[in-house]
Amino acid sequence: MSFVSLTTAVSVPSDQIFQYIEEHQNEYVQVKLKDWVAIESVSTDPEKRHLVINMMLLAEERIRKLGGTVEMVDLDMQELPNGNKISLPPVILANIVKDPKKPTVCFYGHMDVQPAKIEDGWSTEPYILTEKNGNLYGRGASDDKGQVLAVLNAIEALQKHRRICPSIYSKGFIKY
């Protein structure tokens, strides 16, 4: 199996891809990214562990909607300072396969975020996606939920134009 860059793997006229993305920008940002940012998936807080797992389930659902296969891999237990043990969130191993003989595009990302509060210096509510001066603010919007979502949105755009682009074989590893 050989690995190549996405620009080498596909030869889609960029204006068609960018037009598709532009047409779906509201869905990508105001629906999906907004929903993902709203989840306080703070992995360092045992009280929010269920939210990290919920975030992983949303990522799994998005990959399956793209025709991907997903394996949710359970990890070990985490021992808390008080001696209690809780399950670590699963990791996602995914394939979005159209033709495994074609070039492979690999991606990685994480779905957890660091704790955030207004008192920490945020100028906007951290878990509400906010546009300010043309920029988007929200915990995880760029590190790393937004990046994972952008990759999945790009795969969707390429799939919609498969009549003019070769199939790609995408592999993903997403951790909590």
N, C-alpha and C. Protein backbone atom coordinates (compact mmCIF):
# COMPACT_ATOMS: atom_id res chain seq x y z
N MET A 1 0.84 -1.16 0.00
CA MET A 1 0.00 0.00 0.00
C MET A 1 0.89 1.23 0.00
N SER A 2 0.60 2.17 -0.87
CA SER A 2 1.38 3.40 -0.92
C SER A 2 0.53 4.56 -0.41
N PHE A 3 1.19 5.53 0.20
CA PHE A 3 0.51 6.70 0.71
C PHE A 3 0.91 7.90 -0.13
N VAL A 4 -0.07 8.71 -0.49
CA VAL A 4 0.19 9.90 -1.27
C VAL A 4 -0.62 11.05 -0.68
N SER A 5 -0.28 12.25 -1.10
CA SER A 5 -1.05 13.40 -0.61
C SER A 5 -2.41 13.43 -1.30
N LEU A 6 -3.36 14.10 -0.67
CA LEU A 6 -4.70 14.19 -1.22
C LEU A 6 -4.69 14.86 -2.59
N THR A 7 -3.83 15.85 -2.77
CA THR A 7 -3.78 16.54 -4.06
C THR A 7 -3.27 15.62 -5.16
N THR A 8 -2.43 14.65 -4.80
CA THR A 8 -1.96 13.68 -5.78
C THR A 8 -3.01 12.60 -6.03
N ALA A 9 -3.76 12.27 -4.99
CA ALA A 9 -4.71 11.16 -5.05
C ALA A 9 -5.93 11.47 -5.90
N VAL A 10 -6.32 12.72 -6.00
CA VAL A 10 -7.53 13.06 -6.74
C VAL A 10 -7.25 14.15 -7.74
N SER A 11 -7.98 14.11 -8.83
CA SER A 11 -7.81 15.15 -9.85
C SER A 11 -9.17 15.74 -10.18
N VAL A 12 -9.78 16.34 -9.20
CA VAL A 12 -11.08 16.97 -9.36
C VAL A 12 -10.86 18.45 -9.63
N PRO A 13 -11.54 18.99 -10.61
CA PRO A 13 -11.43 20.45 -10.79
C PRO A 13 -11.84 21.15 -9.49
N SER A 14 -10.91 21.92 -8.92
CA SER A 14 -11.13 22.50 -7.61
C SER A 14 -12.34 23.42 -7.56
N ASP A 15 -12.68 24.08 -8.67
CA ASP A 15 -13.83 24.97 -8.64
C ASP A 15 -15.12 24.21 -8.33
N GLN A 16 -15.24 22.98 -8.81
CA GLN A 16 -16.44 22.18 -8.52
C GLN A 16 -16.49 21.76 -7.06
N ILE A 17 -15.37 21.38 -6.52
CA ILE A 17 -15.31 20.99 -5.11
C ILE A 17 -15.59 22.19 -4.23
N PHE A 18 -14.93 23.32 -4.52
CA PHE A 18 -15.15 24.51 -3.71
C PHE A 18 -16.58 25.02 -3.82
N GLN A 19 -17.18 24.88 -4.98
CA GLN A 19 -18.59 25.27 -5.14
C GLN A 19 -19.48 24.38 -4.27
N TYR A 20 -19.22 23.08 -4.27
CA TYR A 20 -20.00 22.16 -3.44
C TYR A 20 -19.85 22.53 -1.96
N ILE A 21 -18.62 22.78 -1.53
CA ILE A 21 -18.38 23.14 -0.13
C ILE A 21 -19.08 24.45 0.21
N GLU A 22 -18.99 25.42 -0.68
CA GLU A 22 -19.66 26.71 -0.46
C GLU A 22 -21.17 26.52 -0.33
N GLU A 23 -21.73 25.68 -1.18
CA GLU A 23 -23.18 25.41 -1.12
C GLU A 23 -23.58 24.73 0.18
N HIS A 24 -22.67 24.01 0.81
CA HIS A 24 -22.97 23.27 2.04
C HIS A 24 -22.35 23.89 3.28
N GLN A 25 -21.80 25.08 3.14
CA GLN A 25 -21.10 25.72 4.26
C GLN A 25 -22.01 25.89 5.48
N ASN A 26 -23.24 26.31 5.27
CA ASN A 26 -24.13 26.50 6.41
C ASN A 26 -24.33 25.18 7.16
N GLU A 27 -24.56 24.10 6.42
CA GLU A 27 -24.72 22.78 7.04
C GLU A 27 -23.45 22.37 7.78
N TYR A 28 -22.30 22.57 7.14
CA TYR A 28 -21.03 22.16 7.74
C TYR A 28 -20.70 22.95 9.00
N VAL A 29 -20.96 24.25 8.99
CA VAL A 29 -20.56 25.10 10.11
C VAL A 29 -21.69 25.26 11.12
N GLN A 30 -22.82 25.76 10.66
CA GLN A 30 -23.90 26.12 11.60
C GLN A 30 -24.66 24.91 12.14
N VAL A 31 -24.51 23.77 11.52
CA VAL A 31 -25.17 22.57 12.04
C VAL A 31 -24.13 21.64 12.66
N LYS A 32 -23.28 21.07 11.82
CA LYS A 32 -22.36 20.04 12.31
C LYS A 32 -21.31 20.59 13.28
N LEU A 33 -20.54 21.59 12.86
CA LEU A 33 -19.48 22.10 13.74
C LEU A 33 -20.09 22.69 15.01
N LYS A 34 -21.18 23.40 14.87
CA LYS A 34 -21.85 23.97 16.04
C LYS A 34 -22.23 22.88 17.03
N ASP A 35 -22.79 21.78 16.52
CA ASP A 35 -23.18 20.66 17.38
C ASP A 35 -21.97 20.02 18.05
N TRP A 36 -20.89 19.86 17.29
CA TRP A 36 -19.69 19.21 17.84
C TRP A 36 -19.05 20.09 18.92
N VAL A 37 -18.96 21.41 18.67
CA VAL A 37 -18.35 22.32 19.65
C VAL A 37 -19.16 22.34 20.95
N ALA A 38 -20.48 22.19 20.85
CA ALA A 38 -21.36 22.26 22.02
C ALA A 38 -21.14 21.12 23.01
N ILE A 39 -20.49 20.06 22.58
CA ILE A 39 -20.28 18.91 23.46
C ILE A 39 -19.00 19.14 24.27
N GLU A 40 -19.16 19.21 25.57
CA GLU A 40 -18.02 19.46 26.47
C GLU A 40 -17.25 18.16 26.71
N SER A 41 -16.58 17.70 25.68
CA SER A 41 -15.87 16.41 25.73
C SER A 41 -14.49 16.57 26.36
N VAL A 42 -14.50 16.93 27.63
CA VAL A 42 -13.27 17.14 28.40
C VAL A 42 -12.82 15.80 28.97
N SER A 43 -11.78 15.24 28.40
CA SER A 43 -11.35 13.88 28.80
C SER A 43 -10.70 13.84 30.17
N THR A 44 -10.23 14.98 30.66
CA THR A 44 -9.57 15.00 31.97
C THR A 44 -10.56 15.06 33.13
N ASP A 45 -11.84 15.22 32.83
CA ASP A 45 -12.87 15.32 33.87
C ASP A 45 -13.73 14.06 33.87
N PRO A 46 -13.57 13.19 34.89
CA PRO A 46 -14.36 11.95 34.93
C PRO A 46 -15.87 12.20 34.88
N GLU A 47 -16.32 13.34 35.38
CA GLU A 47 -17.75 13.66 35.36
C GLU A 47 -18.26 13.93 33.93
N LYS A 48 -17.34 14.20 33.02
CA LYS A 48 -17.72 14.48 31.62
C LYS A 48 -17.34 13.34 30.68
N ARG A 49 -16.95 12.21 31.24
CA ARG A 49 -16.53 11.07 30.41
C ARG A 49 -17.63 10.66 29.44
N HIS A 50 -18.88 10.69 29.89
CA HIS A 50 -19.99 10.32 29.02
C HIS A 50 -20.10 11.25 27.82
N LEU A 51 -19.69 12.51 27.98
CA LEU A 51 -19.73 13.45 26.86
C LEU A 51 -18.63 13.14 25.84
N VAL A 52 -17.49 12.68 26.33
CA VAL A 52 -16.42 12.25 25.41
C VAL A 52 -16.91 11.06 24.58
N ILE A 53 -17.58 10.13 25.24
CA ILE A 53 -18.11 8.96 24.54
C ILE A 53 -19.19 9.39 23.54
N ASN A 54 -20.05 10.34 23.94
CA ASN A 54 -21.06 10.86 23.01
C ASN A 54 -20.40 11.48 21.77
N MET A 55 -19.28 12.19 21.98
CA MET A 55 -18.57 12.80 20.86
C MET A 55 -18.03 11.73 19.92
N MET A 56 -17.52 10.66 20.49
CA MET A 56 -17.01 9.56 19.66
C MET A 56 -18.15 8.93 18.86
N LEU A 57 -19.32 8.81 19.46
CA LEU A 57 -20.48 8.23 18.76
C LEU A 57 -20.93 9.14 17.61
N LEU A 58 -20.85 10.45 17.79
CA LEU A 58 -21.19 11.37 16.69
C LEU A 58 -20.21 11.22 15.53
N ALA A 59 -18.93 11.09 15.87
CA ALA A 59 -17.92 10.90 14.81
C ALA A 59 -18.17 9.58 14.09
N GLU A 60 -18.48 8.53 14.85
CA GLU A 60 -18.80 7.24 14.25
C GLU A 60 -19.99 7.36 13.30
N GLU A 61 -21.02 8.05 13.72
CA GLU A 61 -22.22 8.22 12.89
C GLU A 61 -21.89 8.96 11.58
N ARG A 62 -21.07 10.01 11.67
CA ARG A 62 -20.69 10.78 10.47
C ARG A 62 -19.91 9.90 9.50
N ILE A 63 -19.00 9.08 10.00
CA ILE A 63 -18.21 8.20 9.14
C ILE A 63 -19.10 7.16 8.48
N ARG A 64 -20.02 6.59 9.23
CA ARG A 64 -20.94 5.59 8.65
C ARG A 64 -21.82 6.21 7.57
N LYS A 65 -22.23 7.47 7.75
CA LYS A 65 -23.05 8.15 6.73
C LYS A 65 -22.27 8.34 5.43
N LEU A 66 -20.95 8.33 5.55
CA LEU A 66 -20.10 8.43 4.35
C LEU A 66 -19.84 7.07 3.74
N GLY A 67 -20.46 6.04 4.28
CA GLY A 67 -20.27 4.69 3.77
C GLY A 67 -19.10 3.96 4.40
N GLY A 68 -18.58 4.51 5.46
CA GLY A 68 -17.41 3.92 6.11
C GLY A 68 -17.77 2.80 7.07
N THR A 69 -16.76 2.02 7.36
CA THR A 69 -16.88 1.02 8.41
C THR A 69 -16.13 1.55 9.61
N VAL A 70 -16.66 1.27 10.78
CA VAL A 70 -16.08 1.81 12.00
C VAL A 70 -15.93 0.70 13.02
N GLU A 71 -14.77 0.67 13.64
CA GLU A 71 -14.55 -0.22 14.77
C GLU A 71 -14.28 0.67 15.97
N MET A 72 -15.14 0.56 16.98
CA MET A 72 -14.94 1.29 18.22
C MET A 72 -14.12 0.36 19.12
N VAL A 73 -12.89 0.74 19.38
CA VAL A 73 -11.97 -0.12 20.13
C VAL A 73 -11.94 0.35 21.59
N ASP A 74 -12.38 -0.54 22.47
CA ASP A 74 -12.33 -0.24 23.90
C ASP A 74 -10.89 -0.31 24.38
N LEU A 75 -10.56 0.62 25.24
CA LEU A 75 -9.23 0.66 25.83
C LEU A 75 -9.31 0.16 27.26
N ASP A 76 -8.29 0.37 27.98
CA ASP A 76 -8.19 -0.11 29.36
C ASP A 76 -9.03 0.77 30.30
N MET A 77 -8.84 0.56 31.57
CA MET A 77 -9.49 1.35 32.60
C MET A 77 -8.54 2.44 33.07
N GLN A 78 -9.11 3.51 33.58
CA GLN A 78 -8.33 4.59 34.16
C GLN A 78 -8.57 4.58 35.67
N GLU A 79 -7.48 4.60 36.42
CA GLU A 79 -7.63 4.66 37.87
C GLU A 79 -7.59 6.12 38.30
N LEU A 80 -8.62 6.53 39.00
CA LEU A 80 -8.74 7.91 39.47
C LEU A 80 -7.96 8.07 40.77
N PRO A 81 -7.63 9.31 41.15
CA PRO A 81 -6.88 9.54 42.38
C PRO A 81 -7.52 8.92 43.63
N ASN A 82 -8.85 8.80 43.62
CA ASN A 82 -9.53 8.22 44.78
C ASN A 82 -9.54 6.69 44.76
N GLY A 83 -8.90 6.09 43.73
CA GLY A 83 -8.83 4.64 43.62
C GLY A 83 -9.92 4.01 42.77
N ASN A 84 -10.98 4.76 42.47
CA ASN A 84 -12.03 4.25 41.58
C ASN A 84 -11.48 4.09 40.17
N LYS A 85 -12.09 3.18 39.45
CA LYS A 85 -11.69 2.95 38.05
C LYS A 85 -12.87 3.24 37.14
N ILE A 86 -12.56 3.89 36.02
CA ILE A 86 -13.58 4.15 35.00
C ILE A 86 -12.99 3.76 33.65
N SER A 87 -13.86 3.42 32.72
CA SER A 87 -13.41 3.05 31.38
C SER A 87 -12.88 4.26 30.63
N LEU A 88 -11.79 4.05 29.93
CA LEU A 88 -11.33 5.07 29.00
C LEU A 88 -12.28 5.09 27.80
N PRO A 89 -12.44 6.24 27.16
CA PRO A 89 -13.29 6.26 25.97
C PRO A 89 -12.68 5.38 24.87
N PRO A 90 -13.51 4.89 23.97
CA PRO A 90 -12.96 4.08 22.87
C PRO A 90 -12.23 4.94 21.85
N VAL A 91 -11.44 4.31 21.02
CA VAL A 91 -10.87 4.98 19.85
C VAL A 91 -11.60 4.43 18.63
N ILE A 92 -11.56 5.19 17.56
CA ILE A 92 -12.23 4.80 16.32
C ILE A 92 -11.16 4.40 15.30
N LEU A 93 -11.33 3.23 14.73
CA LEU A 93 -10.56 2.83 13.56
C LEU A 93 -11.58 2.76 12.43
N ALA A 94 -11.34 3.50 11.38
CA ALA A 94 -12.35 3.60 10.32
C ALA A 94 -11.73 3.43 8.95
N ASN A 95 -12.54 2.91 8.04
CA ASN A 95 -12.19 2.84 6.63
C ASN A 95 -13.36 3.40 5.84
N ILE A 96 -13.05 4.26 4.92
CA ILE A 96 -14.06 4.73 3.98
C ILE A 96 -13.53 4.26 2.62
N VAL A 97 -13.98 3.09 2.25
CA VAL A 97 -13.38 2.37 1.13
C VAL A 97 -14.25 2.45 -0.11
N LYS A 98 -13.66 2.83 -1.18
CA LYS A 98 -14.32 2.74 -2.48
C LYS A 98 -13.55 1.73 -3.34
N ASP A 99 -12.25 1.81 -3.31
CA ASP A 99 -11.42 0.88 -4.07
C ASP A 99 -10.04 0.81 -3.41
N PRO A 100 -9.77 -0.27 -2.67
CA PRO A 100 -8.49 -0.36 -1.97
C PRO A 100 -7.27 -0.41 -2.89
N LYS A 101 -7.47 -0.51 -4.19
CA LYS A 101 -6.34 -0.49 -5.12
C LYS A 101 -5.91 0.95 -5.44
N LYS A 102 -6.74 1.89 -5.05
CA LYS A 102 -6.44 3.30 -5.31
C LYS A 102 -5.55 3.85 -4.21
N PRO A 103 -5.01 5.06 -4.40
CA PRO A 103 -4.16 5.66 -3.36
C PRO A 103 -4.91 5.77 -2.02
N THR A 104 -4.16 5.70 -0.93
CA THR A 104 -4.72 5.75 0.41
C THR A 104 -4.49 7.12 1.02
N VAL A 105 -5.54 7.66 1.61
CA VAL A 105 -5.44 8.91 2.36
C VAL A 105 -5.69 8.56 3.82
N CYS A 106 -4.73 8.85 4.68
CA CYS A 106 -4.85 8.56 6.11
C CYS A 106 -5.13 9.85 6.87
N PHE A 107 -5.98 9.76 7.89
CA PHE A 107 -6.18 10.92 8.74
C PHE A 107 -6.26 10.50 10.19
N TYR A 108 -5.95 11.45 11.06
CA TYR A 108 -5.93 11.23 12.50
C TYR A 108 -6.52 12.46 13.17
N GLY A 109 -7.16 12.27 14.27
CA GLY A 109 -7.65 13.41 15.03
C GLY A 109 -8.09 12.96 16.41
N HIS A 110 -8.44 13.93 17.22
CA HIS A 110 -8.96 13.61 18.56
C HIS A 110 -10.23 14.41 18.81
N MET A 111 -11.09 13.86 19.65
CA MET A 111 -12.40 14.44 19.90
C MET A 111 -12.51 15.08 21.27
N ASP A 112 -11.48 14.98 22.08
CA ASP A 112 -11.55 15.60 23.40
C ASP A 112 -11.02 17.02 23.34
N VAL A 113 -11.38 17.79 24.36
CA VAL A 113 -10.92 19.17 24.47
C VAL A 113 -10.42 19.41 25.89
N GLN A 114 -9.69 20.48 26.03
CA GLN A 114 -9.25 20.91 27.36
C GLN A 114 -10.39 21.69 28.02
N PRO A 115 -10.43 21.70 29.35
CA PRO A 115 -11.47 22.48 30.03
C PRO A 115 -11.40 23.95 29.62
N ALA A 116 -12.56 24.60 29.60
CA ALA A 116 -12.59 26.01 29.23
C ALA A 116 -13.76 26.70 29.92
N LYS A 117 -13.48 27.89 30.42
CA LYS A 117 -14.50 28.73 31.06
C LYS A 117 -14.24 30.17 30.66
N ILE A 118 -15.28 30.97 30.69
CA ILE A 118 -15.12 32.40 30.40
C ILE A 118 -14.04 33.00 31.29
N GLU A 119 -14.02 32.60 32.57
CA GLU A 119 -13.03 33.14 33.51
C GLU A 119 -11.59 32.84 33.10
N ASP A 120 -11.42 31.84 32.23
CA ASP A 120 -10.08 31.48 31.76
C ASP A 120 -9.54 32.46 30.72
N GLY A 121 -10.37 33.42 30.33
CA GLY A 121 -9.92 34.40 29.35
C GLY A 121 -10.62 34.33 28.01
N TRP A 122 -11.59 33.46 27.88
CA TRP A 122 -12.35 33.39 26.64
C TRP A 122 -13.19 34.65 26.48
N SER A 123 -13.24 35.18 25.28
CA SER A 123 -14.08 36.36 25.03
C SER A 123 -15.48 35.96 24.59
N THR A 124 -15.68 34.67 24.36
CA THR A 124 -17.00 34.13 24.02
C THR A 124 -17.21 32.87 24.85
N GLU A 125 -18.46 32.41 24.92
CA GLU A 125 -18.74 31.16 25.63
C GLU A 125 -18.00 30.03 24.89
N PRO A 126 -17.15 29.26 25.58
CA PRO A 126 -16.31 28.27 24.90
C PRO A 126 -17.06 27.16 24.16
N TYR A 127 -18.24 26.79 24.64
CA TYR A 127 -18.96 25.67 24.03
C TYR A 127 -20.14 26.12 23.18
N ILE A 128 -20.11 27.38 22.78
CA ILE A 128 -21.09 27.92 21.83
C ILE A 128 -20.30 28.47 20.66
N LEU A 129 -20.45 27.87 19.49
CA LEU A 129 -19.72 28.33 18.31
C LEU A 129 -20.17 29.76 18.00
N THR A 130 -19.20 30.66 17.96
CA THR A 130 -19.49 32.08 17.79
C THR A 130 -18.63 32.65 16.68
N GLU A 131 -19.27 33.40 15.77
CA GLU A 131 -18.52 34.10 14.74
C GLU A 131 -18.26 35.52 15.22
N LYS A 132 -17.02 35.93 15.12
CA LYS A 132 -16.62 37.26 15.57
C LYS A 132 -15.55 37.77 14.61
N ASN A 133 -15.83 38.87 13.94
CA ASN A 133 -14.89 39.47 12.99
C ASN A 133 -14.44 38.47 11.92
N GLY A 134 -15.37 37.63 11.47
CA GLY A 134 -15.06 36.67 10.42
C GLY A 134 -14.35 35.41 10.89
N ASN A 135 -14.10 35.29 12.18
CA ASN A 135 -13.46 34.09 12.73
C ASN A 135 -14.47 33.32 13.57
N LEU A 136 -14.27 32.00 13.65
CA LEU A 136 -15.13 31.16 14.46
C LEU A 136 -14.41 30.81 15.76
N TYR A 137 -15.13 30.96 16.87
CA TYR A 137 -14.57 30.66 18.17
C TYR A 137 -15.44 29.60 18.85
N GLY A 138 -14.79 28.65 19.47
CA GLY A 138 -15.46 27.60 20.22
C GLY A 138 -14.45 26.51 20.52
N ARG A 139 -14.55 25.91 21.70
CA ARG A 139 -13.60 24.89 22.12
C ARG A 139 -13.70 23.70 21.16
N GLY A 140 -12.60 23.38 20.53
CA GLY A 140 -12.54 22.27 19.60
C GLY A 140 -12.78 22.67 18.15
N ALA A 141 -13.09 23.95 17.90
CA ALA A 141 -13.40 24.38 16.53
C ALA A 141 -12.22 24.15 15.59
N SER A 142 -11.01 24.31 16.10
CA SER A 142 -9.84 24.04 15.26
C SER A 142 -8.96 22.93 15.82
N ASP A 143 -9.01 22.69 17.09
CA ASP A 143 -8.20 21.65 17.73
C ASP A 143 -9.10 20.77 18.57
N ASP A 144 -9.59 19.78 18.11
CA ASP A 144 -9.28 19.13 16.84
C ASP A 144 -10.57 18.64 16.19
N LYS A 145 -11.69 18.93 16.84
CA LYS A 145 -12.97 18.48 16.28
C LYS A 145 -13.19 19.07 14.89
N GLY A 146 -12.91 20.36 14.74
CA GLY A 146 -13.10 21.02 13.46
C GLY A 146 -12.26 20.42 12.35
N GLN A 147 -11.03 20.05 12.68
CA GLN A 147 -10.14 19.45 11.68
C GLN A 147 -10.67 18.10 11.24
N VAL A 148 -11.12 17.28 12.19
CA VAL A 148 -11.67 15.96 11.84
C VAL A 148 -12.92 16.14 10.98
N LEU A 149 -13.78 17.05 11.39
CA LEU A 149 -15.00 17.30 10.63
C LEU A 149 -14.69 17.83 9.23
N ALA A 150 -13.67 18.68 9.11
CA ALA A 150 -13.28 19.20 7.79
C ALA A 150 -12.82 18.07 6.86
N VAL A 151 -12.06 17.13 7.40
CA VAL A 151 -11.62 15.98 6.59
C VAL A 151 -12.84 15.18 6.13
N LEU A 152 -13.78 14.93 7.05
CA LEU A 152 -14.97 14.16 6.68
C LEU A 152 -15.84 14.92 5.68
N ASN A 153 -15.93 16.23 5.83
CA ASN A 153 -16.67 17.04 4.86
C ASN A 153 -16.00 17.01 3.49
N ALA A 154 -14.67 17.04 3.47
CA ALA A 154 -13.94 16.96 2.20
C ALA A 154 -14.17 15.62 1.53
N ILE A 155 -14.19 14.55 2.31
CA ILE A 155 -14.47 13.22 1.74
C ILE A 155 -15.87 13.21 1.14
N GLU A 156 -16.82 13.80 1.84
CA GLU A 156 -18.19 13.88 1.30
C GLU A 156 -18.19 14.63 -0.03
N ALA A 157 -17.52 15.76 -0.09
CA ALA A 157 -17.48 16.55 -1.33
C ALA A 157 -16.86 15.76 -2.47
N LEU A 158 -15.79 15.03 -2.18
CA LEU A 158 -15.15 14.21 -3.21
C LEU A 158 -16.07 13.06 -3.64
N GLN A 159 -16.77 12.45 -2.69
CA GLN A 159 -17.70 11.36 -3.04
C GLN A 159 -18.81 11.87 -3.95
N LYS A 160 -19.29 13.07 -3.71
CA LYS A 160 -20.37 13.63 -4.52
C LYS A 160 -19.92 13.89 -5.95
N HIS A 161 -18.63 14.00 -6.16
CA HIS A 161 -18.08 14.26 -7.50
C HIS A 161 -17.33 13.04 -8.04
N ARG A 162 -17.71 11.86 -7.59
CA ARG A 162 -16.98 10.66 -8.00
C ARG A 162 -17.05 10.41 -9.50
N ARG A 163 -18.03 11.01 -10.15
CA ARG A 163 -18.09 10.82 -11.60
C ARG A 163 -16.90 11.47 -12.30
N ILE A 164 -16.23 12.40 -11.58
CA ILE A 164 -15.08 13.07 -12.20
C ILE A 164 -13.81 12.89 -11.38
N CYS A 165 -13.87 12.14 -10.30
CA CYS A 165 -12.65 11.93 -9.52
C CYS A 165 -12.47 10.46 -9.23
N PRO A 166 -11.24 10.01 -9.19
CA PRO A 166 -11.02 8.60 -8.87
C PRO A 166 -11.40 8.32 -7.43
N SER A 167 -11.70 7.08 -7.17
CA SER A 167 -12.01 6.69 -5.80
C SER A 167 -10.79 6.87 -4.92
N ILE A 168 -11.03 7.14 -3.67
CA ILE A 168 -9.94 7.17 -2.71
C ILE A 168 -10.24 6.17 -1.61
N TYR A 169 -9.23 5.70 -0.99
CA TYR A 169 -9.34 4.74 0.09
C TYR A 169 -8.88 5.49 1.33
N SER A 170 -9.81 5.85 2.19
CA SER A 170 -9.49 6.66 3.36
C SER A 170 -9.45 5.80 4.60
N LYS A 171 -8.43 6.00 5.40
CA LYS A 171 -8.31 5.30 6.68
C LYS A 171 -8.24 6.37 7.76
N GLY A 172 -8.94 6.12 8.84
CA GLY A 172 -8.92 7.11 9.91
C GLY A 172 -8.67 6.48 11.26
N PHE A 173 -7.99 7.22 12.10
CA PHE A 173 -7.80 6.85 13.50
C PHE A 173 -8.21 8.06 14.29
N ILE A 174 -9.25 7.93 15.08
CA ILE A 174 -9.72 9.06 15.87
C ILE A 174 -9.72 8.63 17.33
N LYS A 175 -9.06 9.41 18.14
CA LYS A 175 -9.00 9.10 19.56
C LYS A 175 -9.81 10.11 20.33
N TYR A 176 -10.06 9.76 21.58
CA TYR A 176 -10.85 10.64 22.43
C TYR A 176 -10.12 11.90 22.74
